[in-house]
Amino acid sequence: MCQIREKLIAKGVPYGEVMDRFVNDEDFYFDYLHQFTRDKYILLLEQALEEKKPEEAFKAAHTLKGLMANLGLLPLVEEISPLVDALRTGSMEGTGRQFSSFQASHRMFCEFIEKNVPKP
């Protein structure tokens, strides 16, 4: 488990803080990381953006940001934050570009989880 801990830290995860949140149970945390790779909110965000529904897009993006923050996926939180801020104002300007960038990072992080994080 030490190797995955180091890999997650290298990816920007504040592992100690996250373990406090997950009562120092790595299997519990790892299970949630795998659930994250199948989370529906990125799909809801994409759909709301395609349909130009800023309020729905904001709700999905904000929920996704909170989920990622709880999991300690801080690089993804930083990447989605400008999108959440834009959508909070009801603006759709630039959101397609912001989402594309976030989506690529999200995909890479999910692939990293699938390849490196043990399934409990």
C-alpha atoms as a PDB file:
ATOM      1  CA  MET A   1       0.000   0.000   0.000  1.00  0.00           C
ATOM      2  CA  CYS A   2       2.954   2.290   0.498  1.00  0.00           C
ATOM      3  CA  GLN A   3       3.539   2.603  -3.261  1.00  0.00           C
ATOM      4  CA  ILE A   4      -0.020   3.687  -4.000  1.00  0.00           C
ATOM      5  CA  ARG A   5       0.133   6.152  -1.112  1.00  0.00           C
ATOM      6  CA  GLU A   6       3.255   7.708  -2.635  1.00  0.00           C
ATOM      7  CA  LYS A   7       1.685   7.763  -6.107  1.00  0.00           C
ATOM      8  CA  LEU A   8      -1.415   9.516  -4.803  1.00  0.00           C
ATOM      9  CA  ILE A   9       0.694  12.058  -2.934  1.00  0.00           C
ATOM     10  CA  ALA A  10       2.675  12.669  -6.136  1.00  0.00           C
ATOM     11  CA  LYS A  11      -0.667  13.308  -7.885  1.00  0.00           C
ATOM     12  CA  GLY A  12      -1.458  16.051  -5.353  1.00  0.00           C
ATOM     13  CA  VAL A  13      -3.652  14.113  -2.911  1.00  0.00           C
ATOM     14  CA  PRO A  14      -3.170  15.245   0.729  1.00  0.00           C
ATOM     15  CA  TYR A  15      -3.127  11.636   1.856  1.00  0.00           C
ATOM     16  CA  GLY A  16      -2.926  12.254   5.614  1.00  0.00           C
ATOM     17  CA  GLU A  17      -5.939  14.572   5.578  1.00  0.00           C
ATOM     18  CA  VAL A  18      -7.901  12.153   3.431  1.00  0.00           C
ATOM     19  CA  MET A  19      -7.100   9.242   5.715  1.00  0.00           C
ATOM     20  CA  ASP A  20      -8.416  11.279   8.657  1.00  0.00           C
ATOM     21  CA  ARG A  21     -11.670  11.737   6.741  1.00  0.00           C
ATOM     22  CA  PHE A  22     -11.827   8.029   5.947  1.00  0.00           C
ATOM     23  CA  VAL A  23     -11.016   6.941   9.519  1.00  0.00           C
ATOM     24  CA  ASN A  24      -7.600   5.632   8.411  1.00  0.00           C
ATOM     25  CA  ASP A  25      -9.273   2.862   6.413  1.00  0.00           C
ATOM     26  CA  GLU A  26      -7.474   2.600   3.059  1.00  0.00           C
ATOM     27  CA  ASP A  27      -9.897  -0.010   1.708  1.00  0.00           C
ATOM     28  CA  PHE A  28     -12.801   2.326   2.486  1.00  0.00           C
ATOM     29  CA  TYR A  29     -11.024   5.169   0.665  1.00  0.00           C
ATOM     30  CA  PHE A  30      -9.972   3.001  -2.259  1.00  0.00           C
ATOM     31  CA  ASP A  31     -13.561   1.815  -2.673  1.00  0.00           C
ATOM     32  CA  TYR A  32     -14.728   5.430  -2.906  1.00  0.00           C
ATOM     33  CA  LEU A  33     -12.013   6.237  -5.433  1.00  0.00           C
ATOM     34  CA  HIS A  34     -13.279   3.409  -7.637  1.00  0.00           C
ATOM     35  CA  GLN A  35     -16.854   4.597  -7.201  1.00  0.00           C
ATOM     36  CA  PHE A  36     -15.689   8.050  -8.304  1.00  0.00           C
ATOM     37  CA  THR A  37     -14.510   6.624 -11.645  1.00  0.00           C
ATOM     38  CA  ARG A  38     -18.129   5.652 -12.340  1.00  0.00           C
ATOM     39  CA  ASP A  39     -19.784   8.752 -10.906  1.00  0.00           C
ATOM     40  CA  LYS A  40     -22.690  10.171 -12.904  1.00  0.00           C
ATOM     41  CA  TYR A  41     -22.086  13.856 -12.231  1.00  0.00           C
ATOM     42  CA  ILE A  42     -19.562  14.332 -14.996  1.00  0.00           C
ATOM     43  CA  LEU A  43     -22.136  12.977 -17.440  1.00  0.00           C
ATOM     44  CA  LEU A  44     -24.827  15.245 -15.994  1.00  0.00           C
ATOM     45  CA  LEU A  45     -22.457  18.205 -16.308  1.00  0.00           C
ATOM     46  CA  GLU A  46     -21.641  17.376 -19.917  1.00  0.00           C
ATOM     47  CA  GLN A  47     -25.321  17.001 -20.797  1.00  0.00           C
ATOM     48  CA  ALA A  48     -26.304  20.267 -19.096  1.00  0.00           C
ATOM     49  CA  LEU A  49     -23.533  22.121 -20.920  1.00  0.00           C
ATOM     50  CA  GLU A  50     -24.565  20.624 -24.271  1.00  0.00           C
ATOM     51  CA  GLU A  51     -28.169  21.620 -23.606  1.00  0.00           C
ATOM     52  CA  LYS A  52     -27.050  25.099 -22.474  1.00  0.00           C
ATOM     53  CA  LYS A  53     -28.636  24.792 -19.034  1.00  0.00           C
ATOM     54  CA  PRO A  54     -26.318  26.784 -16.761  1.00  0.00           C
ATOM     55  CA  GLU A  55     -28.259  26.147 -13.529  1.00  0.00           C
ATOM     56  CA  GLU A  56     -28.202  22.375 -14.003  1.00  0.00           C
ATOM     57  CA  ALA A  57     -24.572  22.521 -15.109  1.00  0.00           C
ATOM     58  CA  PHE A  58     -23.697  24.512 -11.987  1.00  0.00           C
ATOM     59  CA  LYS A  59     -25.395  21.974  -9.703  1.00  0.00           C
ATOM     60  CA  ALA A  60     -23.557  19.073 -11.341  1.00  0.00           C
ATOM     61  CA  ALA A  61     -20.189  20.874 -11.372  1.00  0.00           C
ATOM     62  CA  HIS A  62     -20.543  22.030  -7.769  1.00  0.00           C
ATOM     63  CA  THR A  63     -21.491  18.530  -6.596  1.00  0.00           C
ATOM     64  CA  LEU A  64     -18.570  17.050  -8.511  1.00  0.00           C
ATOM     65  CA  LYS A  65     -16.208  19.626  -7.001  1.00  0.00           C
ATOM     66  CA  GLY A  66     -17.364  18.745  -3.486  1.00  0.00           C
ATOM     67  CA  LEU A  67     -16.996  15.039  -4.123  1.00  0.00           C
ATOM     68  CA  MET A  68     -13.475  15.505  -5.453  1.00  0.00           C
ATOM     69  CA  ALA A  69     -12.560  17.734  -2.506  1.00  0.00           C
ATOM     70  CA  ASN A  70     -13.726  15.069  -0.045  1.00  0.00           C
ATOM     71  CA  LEU A  71     -11.641  12.478  -1.888  1.00  0.00           C
ATOM     72  CA  GLY A  72      -8.613  14.776  -1.838  1.00  0.00           C
ATOM     73  CA  LEU A  73      -8.415  15.047  -5.619  1.00  0.00           C
ATOM     74  CA  LEU A  74      -7.190  18.615  -5.317  1.00  0.00           C
ATOM     75  CA  PRO A  75      -5.716  18.977  -8.818  1.00  0.00           C
ATOM     76  CA  LEU A  76      -9.173  18.190 -10.228  1.00  0.00           C
ATOM     77  CA  VAL A  77     -10.805  20.590  -7.757  1.00  0.00           C
ATOM     78  CA  GLU A  78      -8.484  23.352  -8.926  1.00  0.00           C
ATOM     79  CA  GLU A  79      -9.265  22.570 -12.534  1.00  0.00           C
ATOM     80  CA  ILE A  80     -13.057  22.581 -12.156  1.00  0.00           C
ATOM     81  CA  SER A  81     -13.194  25.666  -9.906  1.00  0.00           C
ATOM     82  CA  PRO A  82     -13.148  28.265 -12.731  1.00  0.00           C
ATOM     83  CA  LEU A  83     -15.970  26.361 -14.447  1.00  0.00           C
ATOM     84  CA  VAL A  84     -18.018  26.314 -11.228  1.00  0.00           C
ATOM     85  CA  ASP A  85     -17.387  30.041 -10.744  1.00  0.00           C
ATOM     86  CA  ALA A  86     -18.495  30.865 -14.291  1.00  0.00           C
ATOM     87  CA  LEU A  87     -21.623  28.739 -14.005  1.00  0.00           C
ATOM     88  CA  ARG A  88     -22.467  30.243 -10.603  1.00  0.00           C
ATOM     89  CA  THR A  89     -23.076  33.554 -12.393  1.00  0.00           C
ATOM     90  CA  GLY A  90     -25.271  31.858 -14.989  1.00  0.00           C
ATOM     91  CA  SER A  91     -22.741  32.458 -17.736  1.00  0.00           C
ATOM     92  CA  MET A  92     -22.020  29.800 -20.330  1.00  0.00           C
ATOM     93  CA  GLU A  93     -19.174  31.802 -21.874  1.00  0.00           C
ATOM     94  CA  GLY A  94     -15.999  29.735 -22.143  1.00  0.00           C
ATOM     95  CA  THR A  95     -17.528  26.764 -20.357  1.00  0.00           C
ATOM     96  CA  GLY A  96     -17.048  24.398 -23.295  1.00  0.00           C
ATOM     97  CA  ARG A  97     -13.308  24.977 -23.311  1.00  0.00           C
ATOM     98  CA  GLN A  98     -13.080  24.766 -19.532  1.00  0.00           C
ATOM     99  CA  PHE A  99     -15.072  21.549 -19.470  1.00  0.00           C
ATOM    100  CA  SER A 100     -12.963  19.949 -22.211  1.00  0.00           C
ATOM    101  CA  SER A 101      -9.798  20.629 -20.249  1.00  0.00           C
ATOM    102  CA  PHE A 102     -11.339  19.331 -17.026  1.00  0.00           C
ATOM    103  CA  GLN A 103     -12.798  16.283 -18.767  1.00  0.00           C
ATOM    104  CA  ALA A 104      -9.368  15.277 -20.073  1.00  0.00           C
ATOM    105  CA  SER A 105      -7.816  15.624 -16.602  1.00  0.00           C
ATOM    106  CA  HIS A 106     -10.731  13.748 -15.047  1.00  0.00           C
ATOM    107  CA  ARG A 107     -10.318  10.920 -17.548  1.00  0.00           C
ATOM    108  CA  MET A 108      -6.582  10.662 -16.847  1.00  0.00           C
ATOM    109  CA  PHE A 109      -7.164  10.604 -13.083  1.00  0.00           C
ATOM    110  CA  CYS A 110      -9.824   7.896 -13.459  1.00  0.00           C
ATOM    111  CA  GLU A 111      -7.454   5.822 -15.595  1.00  0.00           C
ATOM    112  CA  PHE A 112      -4.757   6.264 -12.946  1.00  0.00           C
ATOM    113  CA  ILE A 113      -7.180   5.047 -10.265  1.00  0.00           C
ATOM    114  CA  GLU A 114      -8.270   2.034 -12.310  1.00  0.00           C
ATOM    115  CA  LYS A 115      -4.663   1.011 -13.034  1.00  0.00           C
ATOM    116  CA  ASN A 116      -3.052   1.761  -9.673  1.00  0.00           C
ATOM    117  CA  VAL A 117      -5.548   1.701  -6.813  1.00  0.00           C
ATOM    118  CA  PRO A 118      -6.317  -1.774  -5.474  1.00  0.00           C
ATOM    119  CA  LYS A 119      -9.954  -2.767  -5.483  1.00  0.00           C
ATOM    120  CA  PRO A 120     -10.996  -3.731  -1.957  1.00  0.00           C
END
